[in-house]
Amino acid sequence: MLPADLHAVEDQALGALRSALAADARGRWSVEWRFEGLRLLPPALRMARALLAGGVDLRLLFPDAGAAALARRDGSDLGGLILDFGALQRSEAAAAGLGGERTLLLAVAPTPADYEDFVQICTGYGGAVVMLNGRLEDAAVGIGSVARQRRRGFLAQWQTAYAVMPVEGGALRRAHPQAWEVHREDPDGFRLVATFAQKPDPEELATALAGGDGIGLGGNLRVLDAFIEGLRH
């Protein structure tokens, strides 16, 4: 079911993440909330608090010192659990405080600029890592050998615990352990039109949203646009 508001998104994501961690307590899990204009810090802090309340030991990671400082200001109760990538890599005390890989690392919005640092952190850590609204694919890398190596290597390790995102003409959702769902926006609201075991590619998505009418020229152009947009992100 598509969430009605951000509160429902957070509830669904938390339940799906708990299910994912129960299935693979040392996995690499992603949570994606793709909403225009979303201020990510408040829900990220709420997710951290909810996980802590449920008995999960965690560290909340931000790519840079400025973002970490802002998080400490807005989440003063979590201040001792908030680190930036550089601080975690530099500090033996911070690394030693990860509880023998029993600590969950919740990384907020890493970007292509943070790719190498994030790879280093994840590669050196055997516990669970959750990436919230990460965008690690770099359009500057293009579609050559480096991009293929990244997709087949580090990026291939990640599984989706929860995702909800708008697409043209509808929305895409996944909540572990359920399938990926395609919801079409009709005049009377959103309607579930297809499910997929894996995240649908642009053509599968366009076909599902088109139903029995076929995707046509416009749909083919949207498939191409989605492919190009995927290369950018």
C-alpha atoms as a PDB file:
ATOM      1  CA  MET A   1       0.000   0.000   0.000  1.00  0.00           C
ATOM      2  CA  LEU A   2       1.308   3.446  -0.859  1.00  0.00           C
ATOM      3  CA  PRO A   3       1.856   5.626   2.218  1.00  0.00           C
ATOM      4  CA  ALA A   4      -0.522   8.537   2.679  1.00  0.00           C
ATOM      5  CA  ASP A   5       2.011  10.907   4.224  1.00  0.00           C
ATOM      6  CA  LEU A   6       5.555  11.164   5.563  1.00  0.00           C
ATOM      7  CA  HIS A   7       4.526   9.672   8.909  1.00  0.00           C
ATOM      8  CA  ALA A   8       3.302   6.559   7.098  1.00  0.00           C
ATOM      9  CA  VAL A   9       6.472   6.479   4.991  1.00  0.00           C
ATOM     10  CA  GLU A  10       8.597   6.449   8.139  1.00  0.00           C
ATOM     11  CA  ASP A  11       6.483   3.739   9.776  1.00  0.00           C
ATOM     12  CA  GLN A  12       6.625   1.534   6.679  1.00  0.00           C
ATOM     13  CA  ALA A  13      10.354   2.079   6.271  1.00  0.00           C
ATOM     14  CA  LEU A  14      11.079   1.219   9.887  1.00  0.00           C
ATOM     15  CA  GLY A  15       9.080  -2.008   9.690  1.00  0.00           C
ATOM     16  CA  ALA A  16      10.718  -2.988   6.406  1.00  0.00           C
ATOM     17  CA  LEU A  17      14.191  -2.228   7.739  1.00  0.00           C
ATOM     18  CA  ARG A  18      13.618  -4.343  10.827  1.00  0.00           C
ATOM     19  CA  SER A  19      12.490  -7.184   8.570  1.00  0.00           C
ATOM     20  CA  ALA A  20      15.564  -6.753   6.382  1.00  0.00           C
ATOM     21  CA  LEU A  21      17.961  -6.759   9.337  1.00  0.00           C
ATOM     22  CA  ALA A  22      16.285  -9.869  10.709  1.00  0.00           C
ATOM     23  CA  ALA A  23      16.913 -11.551   7.349  1.00  0.00           C
ATOM     24  CA  ASP A  24      20.529 -10.363   7.090  1.00  0.00           C
ATOM     25  CA  ALA A  25      21.898  -8.733  10.218  1.00  0.00           C
ATOM     26  CA  ARG A  26      25.212  -7.871   8.543  1.00  0.00           C
ATOM     27  CA  GLY A  27      23.851  -6.805   5.181  1.00  0.00           C
ATOM     28  CA  ARG A  28      24.102  -3.664   3.116  1.00  0.00           C
ATOM     29  CA  TRP A  29      20.599  -2.204   3.008  1.00  0.00           C
ATOM     30  CA  SER A  30      19.229   0.911   1.342  1.00  0.00           C
ATOM     31  CA  VAL A  31      16.221   3.028   2.262  1.00  0.00           C
ATOM     32  CA  GLU A  32      14.999   5.487  -0.369  1.00  0.00           C
ATOM     33  CA  TRP A  33      12.516   8.301   0.181  1.00  0.00           C
ATOM     34  CA  ARG A  34      12.439  10.170  -3.111  1.00  0.00           C
ATOM     35  CA  PHE A  35      10.202  13.178  -2.563  1.00  0.00           C
ATOM     36  CA  GLU A  36      10.657  16.609  -4.062  1.00  0.00           C
ATOM     37  CA  GLY A  37      11.655  19.108  -1.387  1.00  0.00           C
ATOM     38  CA  LEU A  38      12.093  16.532   1.393  1.00  0.00           C
ATOM     39  CA  ARG A  39      14.187  17.802   4.307  1.00  0.00           C
ATOM     40  CA  LEU A  40      15.965  14.568   5.111  1.00  0.00           C
ATOM     41  CA  LEU A  41      17.511  15.373   8.483  1.00  0.00           C
ATOM     42  CA  PRO A  42      14.334  15.336  10.653  1.00  0.00           C
ATOM     43  CA  PRO A  43      13.114  11.893   9.461  1.00  0.00           C
ATOM     44  CA  ALA A  44      16.673  10.546   9.615  1.00  0.00           C
ATOM     45  CA  LEU A  45      16.906  11.584  13.266  1.00  0.00           C
ATOM     46  CA  ARG A  46      13.492  10.069  13.975  1.00  0.00           C
ATOM     47  CA  MET A  47      14.543   6.789  12.356  1.00  0.00           C
ATOM     48  CA  ALA A  48      17.701   6.694  14.469  1.00  0.00           C
ATOM     49  CA  ARG A  49      15.707   7.311  17.655  1.00  0.00           C
ATOM     50  CA  ALA A  50      13.170   4.602  16.759  1.00  0.00           C
ATOM     51  CA  LEU A  51      15.924   2.060  16.086  1.00  0.00           C
ATOM     52  CA  LEU A  52      17.631   2.927  19.363  1.00  0.00           C
ATOM     53  CA  ALA A  53      14.319   2.581  21.208  1.00  0.00           C
ATOM     54  CA  GLY A  54      14.009  -0.891  19.683  1.00  0.00           C
ATOM     55  CA  GLY A  55      17.352  -1.940  21.113  1.00  0.00           C
ATOM     56  CA  VAL A  56      19.560  -1.368  18.051  1.00  0.00           C
ATOM     57  CA  ASP A  57      23.010   0.048  18.761  1.00  0.00           C
ATOM     58  CA  LEU A  58      23.893   2.463  15.963  1.00  0.00           C
ATOM     59  CA  ARG A  59      26.033   5.309  14.739  1.00  0.00           C
ATOM     60  CA  LEU A  60      24.551   7.994  12.528  1.00  0.00           C
ATOM     61  CA  LEU A  61      27.020   8.854   9.765  1.00  0.00           C
ATOM     62  CA  PHE A  62      27.121  11.953   7.573  1.00  0.00           C
ATOM     63  CA  PRO A  63      29.476  12.509   4.647  1.00  0.00           C
ATOM     64  CA  ASP A  64      31.015  15.734   5.951  1.00  0.00           C
ATOM     65  CA  ALA A  65      31.686  17.549   9.193  1.00  0.00           C
ATOM     66  CA  GLY A  66      29.192  20.339   8.429  1.00  0.00           C
ATOM     67  CA  ALA A  67      26.268  17.956   7.992  1.00  0.00           C
ATOM     68  CA  ALA A  68      27.280  16.090  11.154  1.00  0.00           C
ATOM     69  CA  ALA A  69      27.445  19.344  13.120  1.00  0.00           C
ATOM     70  CA  LEU A  70      23.967  20.325  11.938  1.00  0.00           C
ATOM     71  CA  ALA A  71      22.659  16.904  12.969  1.00  0.00           C
ATOM     72  CA  ARG A  72      24.193  17.308  16.443  1.00  0.00           C
ATOM     73  CA  ARG A  73      22.509  20.682  16.758  1.00  0.00           C
ATOM     74  CA  ASP A  74      19.067  19.371  15.768  1.00  0.00           C
ATOM     75  CA  GLY A  75      19.496  15.983  17.464  1.00  0.00           C
ATOM     76  CA  SER A  76      21.394  16.898  20.605  1.00  0.00           C
ATOM     77  CA  ASP A  77      20.149  13.732  22.331  1.00  0.00           C
ATOM     78  CA  LEU A  78      22.008  11.718  19.680  1.00  0.00           C
ATOM     79  CA  GLY A  79      25.134  13.867  19.704  1.00  0.00           C
ATOM     80  CA  GLY A  80      27.478  11.153  20.935  1.00  0.00           C
ATOM     81  CA  LEU A  81      26.334   8.797  18.178  1.00  0.00           C
ATOM     82  CA  ILE A  82      26.793  11.196  15.250  1.00  0.00           C
ATOM     83  CA  LEU A  83      29.987  11.051  13.182  1.00  0.00           C
ATOM     84  CA  ASP A  84      31.161  12.193   9.793  1.00  0.00           C
ATOM     85  CA  PHE A  85      32.978   9.845   7.426  1.00  0.00           C
ATOM     86  CA  GLY A  86      36.341  11.452   8.033  1.00  0.00           C
ATOM     87  CA  ALA A  87      36.050  11.324  11.818  1.00  0.00           C
ATOM     88  CA  LEU A  88      35.177   7.641  11.730  1.00  0.00           C
ATOM     89  CA  GLN A  89      38.125   6.877   9.471  1.00  0.00           C
ATOM     90  CA  ARG A  90      40.596   8.967  11.508  1.00  0.00           C
ATOM     91  CA  SER A  91      39.555   8.051  15.035  1.00  0.00           C
ATOM     92  CA  GLU A  92      40.635   4.726  16.481  1.00  0.00           C
ATOM     93  CA  ALA A  93      38.370   5.429  19.468  1.00  0.00           C
ATOM     94  CA  ALA A  94      35.359   5.899  17.168  1.00  0.00           C
ATOM     95  CA  ALA A  95      36.154   2.697  15.304  1.00  0.00           C
ATOM     96  CA  ALA A  96      36.670   0.825  18.567  1.00  0.00           C
ATOM     97  CA  GLY A  97      33.297   2.062  19.794  1.00  0.00           C
ATOM     98  CA  LEU A  98      31.416   0.154  17.104  1.00  0.00           C
ATOM     99  CA  GLY A  99      30.824  -2.758  19.438  1.00  0.00           C
ATOM    100  CA  GLY A 100      32.708  -5.463  17.606  1.00  0.00           C
ATOM    101  CA  GLU A 101      30.644  -5.017  14.432  1.00  0.00           C
ATOM    102  CA  ARG A 102      27.377  -5.315  16.326  1.00  0.00           C
ATOM    103  CA  THR A 103      26.654  -1.647  15.700  1.00  0.00           C
ATOM    104  CA  LEU A 104      24.470  -0.560  12.789  1.00  0.00           C
ATOM    105  CA  LEU A 105      25.921   2.236  10.662  1.00  0.00           C
ATOM    106  CA  LEU A 106      23.157   4.503   9.345  1.00  0.00           C
ATOM    107  CA  ALA A 107      24.705   6.597   6.556  1.00  0.00           C
ATOM    108  CA  VAL A 108      22.688   9.615   5.457  1.00  0.00           C
ATOM    109  CA  ALA A 109      22.754  10.714   1.806  1.00  0.00           C
ATOM    110  CA  PRO A 110      26.236   9.795   0.569  1.00  0.00           C
ATOM    111  CA  THR A 111      26.933  11.146  -2.924  1.00  0.00           C
ATOM    112  CA  PRO A 112      29.362  10.267  -5.729  1.00  0.00           C
ATOM    113  CA  ALA A 113      31.851  12.684  -4.150  1.00  0.00           C
ATOM    114  CA  ASP A 114      31.859  10.452  -1.057  1.00  0.00           C
ATOM    115  CA  TYR A 115      32.158   7.191  -2.981  1.00  0.00           C
ATOM    116  CA  GLU A 116      35.747   6.266  -2.135  1.00  0.00           C
ATOM    117  CA  ASP A 117      35.409   7.157   1.562  1.00  0.00           C
ATOM    118  CA  PHE A 118      32.140   5.262   1.843  1.00  0.00           C
ATOM    119  CA  VAL A 119      33.593   2.211   0.123  1.00  0.00           C
ATOM    120  CA  GLN A 120      36.512   2.269   2.545  1.00  0.00           C
ATOM    121  CA  ILE A 121      34.206   2.470   5.560  1.00  0.00           C
ATOM    122  CA  CYS A 122      31.961  -0.349   4.352  1.00  0.00           C
ATOM    123  CA  THR A 123      34.800  -2.568   3.209  1.00  0.00           C
ATOM    124  CA  GLY A 124      36.481  -2.323   6.581  1.00  0.00           C
ATOM    125  CA  TYR A 125      33.317  -3.013   8.546  1.00  0.00           C
ATOM    126  CA  GLY A 126      31.621  -6.388   8.921  1.00  0.00           C
ATOM    127  CA  GLY A 127      28.427  -5.207  10.603  1.00  0.00           C
ATOM    128  CA  ALA A 128      25.225  -3.891   9.042  1.00  0.00           C
ATOM    129  CA  VAL A 129      25.232  -0.679   7.033  1.00  0.00           C
ATOM    130  CA  VAL A 130      22.038   1.146   6.062  1.00  0.00           C
ATOM    131  CA  MET A 131      22.198   3.872   3.428  1.00  0.00           C
ATOM    132  CA  LEU A 132      19.416   6.456   3.560  1.00  0.00           C
ATOM    133  CA  ASN A 133      18.791   8.304   0.281  1.00  0.00           C
ATOM    134  CA  GLY A 134      22.220   7.570  -1.091  1.00  0.00           C
ATOM    135  CA  ARG A 135      23.145   8.461  -4.665  1.00  0.00           C
ATOM    136  CA  LEU A 136      26.461   6.812  -5.447  1.00  0.00           C
ATOM    137  CA  GLU A 137      26.419   6.470  -9.226  1.00  0.00           C
ATOM    138  CA  ASP A 138      28.321   9.272 -10.910  1.00  0.00           C
ATOM    139  CA  ALA A 139      27.267  10.602 -14.305  1.00  0.00           C
ATOM    140  CA  ALA A 140      30.846  11.821 -14.810  1.00  0.00           C
ATOM    141  CA  VAL A 141      32.023   8.203 -14.728  1.00  0.00           C
ATOM    142  CA  GLY A 142      29.700   7.487 -17.639  1.00  0.00           C
ATOM    143  CA  ILE A 143      28.902   4.008 -18.886  1.00  0.00           C
ATOM    144  CA  GLY A 144      32.442   2.737 -19.380  1.00  0.00           C
ATOM    145  CA  SER A 145      34.545   0.174 -17.558  1.00  0.00           C
ATOM    146  CA  VAL A 146      34.763   2.135 -14.298  1.00  0.00           C
ATOM    147  CA  ALA A 147      30.986   2.447 -14.081  1.00  0.00           C
ATOM    148  CA  ARG A 148      30.546  -1.266 -14.865  1.00  0.00           C
ATOM    149  CA  GLN A 149      33.133  -2.189 -12.250  1.00  0.00           C
ATOM    150  CA  ARG A 150      31.316  -0.145  -9.624  1.00  0.00           C
ATOM    151  CA  ARG A 151      27.907  -1.618 -10.492  1.00  0.00           C
ATOM    152  CA  ARG A 152      29.219  -5.182 -10.425  1.00  0.00           C
ATOM    153  CA  GLY A 153      31.288  -4.591  -7.297  1.00  0.00           C
ATOM    154  CA  PHE A 154      30.389  -2.311  -4.420  1.00  0.00           C
ATOM    155  CA  LEU A 155      27.012  -1.145  -5.727  1.00  0.00           C
ATOM    156  CA  ALA A 156      25.880  -4.720  -6.348  1.00  0.00           C
ATOM    157  CA  GLN A 157      26.172  -5.486  -2.636  1.00  0.00           C
ATOM    158  CA  TRP A 158      23.224  -3.276  -1.743  1.00  0.00           C
ATOM    159  CA  GLN A 159      19.707  -4.608  -1.243  1.00  0.00           C
ATOM    160  CA  THR A 160      16.594  -2.481  -0.950  1.00  0.00           C
ATOM    161  CA  ALA A 161      14.932  -2.611   2.445  1.00  0.00           C
ATOM    162  CA  TYR A 162      12.432   0.119   1.600  1.00  0.00           C
ATOM    163  CA  ALA A 163      11.821   2.437  -1.332  1.00  0.00           C
ATOM    164  CA  VAL A 164       9.031   4.742  -2.363  1.00  0.00           C
ATOM    165  CA  MET A 165       9.478   7.064  -5.299  1.00  0.00           C
ATOM    166  CA  PRO A 166       7.347   8.896  -7.819  1.00  0.00           C
ATOM    167  CA  VAL A 167       7.638   7.989 -11.488  1.00  0.00           C
ATOM    168  CA  GLU A 168       5.876   9.585 -14.433  1.00  0.00           C
ATOM    169  CA  GLY A 169       2.270   8.436 -14.263  1.00  0.00           C
ATOM    170  CA  GLY A 170       2.581   6.639 -10.956  1.00  0.00           C
ATOM    171  CA  ALA A 171       4.807   5.483  -8.122  1.00  0.00           C
ATOM    172  CA  LEU A 172       7.187   2.670  -7.299  1.00  0.00           C
ATOM    173  CA  ARG A 173       7.378   1.035  -3.866  1.00  0.00           C
ATOM    174  CA  ARG A 174       9.186  -1.805  -2.164  1.00  0.00           C
ATOM    175  CA  ALA A 175       8.996  -2.858   1.490  1.00  0.00           C
ATOM    176  CA  HIS A 176      11.038  -5.896   2.546  1.00  0.00           C
ATOM    177  CA  PRO A 177      10.171  -8.765   2.240  1.00  0.00           C
ATOM    178  CA  GLN A 178       7.480  -7.874  -0.275  1.00  0.00           C
ATOM    179  CA  ALA A 179       7.894  -7.505  -4.023  1.00  0.00           C
ATOM    180  CA  TRP A 180       8.412  -4.257  -5.908  1.00  0.00           C
ATOM    181  CA  GLU A 181       5.055  -2.632  -6.618  1.00  0.00           C
ATOM    182  CA  VAL A 182       4.089  -0.382  -9.518  1.00  0.00           C
ATOM    183  CA  HIS A 183       1.151   1.927  -8.780  1.00  0.00           C
ATOM    184  CA  ARG A 184      -0.500   3.825 -11.631  1.00  0.00           C
ATOM    185  CA  GLU A 185      -2.039   7.228 -10.965  1.00  0.00           C
ATOM    186  CA  ASP A 186      -5.628   7.131 -12.223  1.00  0.00           C
ATOM    187  CA  PRO A 187      -8.252   9.894 -11.975  1.00  0.00           C
ATOM    188  CA  ASP A 188      -9.639   8.294  -8.812  1.00  0.00           C
ATOM    189  CA  GLY A 189      -6.255   7.709  -7.159  1.00  0.00           C
ATOM    190  CA  PHE A 190      -3.347   5.279  -7.282  1.00  0.00           C
ATOM    191  CA  ARG A 191      -3.920   1.692  -8.337  1.00  0.00           C
ATOM    192  CA  LEU A 192      -1.556  -1.267  -8.002  1.00  0.00           C
ATOM    193  CA  VAL A 193      -0.964  -2.573 -11.548  1.00  0.00           C
ATOM    194  CA  ALA A 194       2.096  -4.852 -11.335  1.00  0.00           C
ATOM    195  CA  THR A 195       4.618  -6.470  -9.013  1.00  0.00           C
ATOM    196  CA  PHE A 196       8.202  -7.534  -9.703  1.00  0.00           C
ATOM    197  CA  ALA A 197      10.648  -9.734  -7.824  1.00  0.00           C
ATOM    198  CA  GLN A 198      13.446  -7.284  -8.757  1.00  0.00           C
ATOM    199  CA  LYS A 199      13.331  -3.542  -9.288  1.00  0.00           C
ATOM    200  CA  PRO A 200      11.730  -3.037 -12.721  1.00  0.00           C
ATOM    201  CA  ASP A 201      13.852  -1.472 -15.412  1.00  0.00           C
ATOM    202  CA  PRO A 202      12.504   1.562 -17.305  1.00  0.00           C
ATOM    203  CA  GLU A 203      10.903  -0.538 -20.057  1.00  0.00           C
ATOM    204  CA  GLU A 204       9.186  -2.875 -17.592  1.00  0.00           C
ATOM    205  CA  LEU A 205       7.969   0.102 -15.614  1.00  0.00           C
ATOM    206  CA  ALA A 206       6.601   1.887 -18.674  1.00  0.00           C
ATOM    207  CA  THR A 207       4.867  -1.283 -19.879  1.00  0.00           C
ATOM    208  CA  ALA A 208       3.244  -1.857 -16.489  1.00  0.00           C
ATOM    209  CA  LEU A 209       1.967   1.706 -16.315  1.00  0.00           C
ATOM    210  CA  ALA A 210       0.653   1.588 -19.882  1.00  0.00           C
ATOM    211  CA  GLY A 211      -1.352  -1.589 -19.261  1.00  0.00           C
ATOM    212  CA  GLY A 212      -2.891  -3.144 -22.340  1.00  0.00           C
ATOM    213  CA  ASP A 213      -2.463   0.015 -24.426  1.00  0.00           C
ATOM    214  CA  GLY A 214       1.252  -0.429 -25.014  1.00  0.00           C
ATOM    215  CA  ILE A 215       3.808   2.240 -24.269  1.00  0.00           C
ATOM    216  CA  GLY A 216       3.794   3.912 -27.689  1.00  0.00           C
ATOM    217  CA  LEU A 217       6.280   6.542 -28.883  1.00  0.00           C
ATOM    218  CA  GLY A 218       5.808   8.710 -25.818  1.00  0.00           C
ATOM    219  CA  GLY A 219       6.462   5.765 -23.551  1.00  0.00           C
ATOM    220  CA  ASN A 220       9.596   4.829 -25.467  1.00  0.00           C
ATOM    221  CA  LEU A 221      10.871   8.373 -25.086  1.00  0.00           C
ATOM    222  CA  ARG A 222      10.174   8.209 -21.346  1.00  0.00           C
ATOM    223  CA  VAL A 223      12.122   4.944 -21.170  1.00  0.00           C
ATOM    224  CA  LEU A 224      15.065   6.685 -22.837  1.00  0.00           C
ATOM    225  CA  ASP A 225      14.735   9.681 -20.487  1.00  0.00           C
ATOM    226  CA  ALA A 226      14.669   7.362 -17.468  1.00  0.00           C
ATOM    227  CA  PHE A 227      17.771   5.565 -18.713  1.00  0.00           C
ATOM    228  CA  ILE A 228      19.653   8.844 -19.153  1.00  0.00           C
ATOM    229  CA  GLU A 229      18.473  10.081 -15.755  1.00  0.00           C
ATOM    230  CA  GLY A 230      19.677   6.845 -14.204  1.00  0.00           C
ATOM    231  CA  LEU A 231      23.142   7.482 -15.623  1.00  0.00           C
ATOM    232  CA  ARG A 232      23.135  10.905 -13.996  1.00  0.00           C
ATOM    233  CA  HIS A 233      22.346   9.425 -10.573  1.00  0.00           C
END
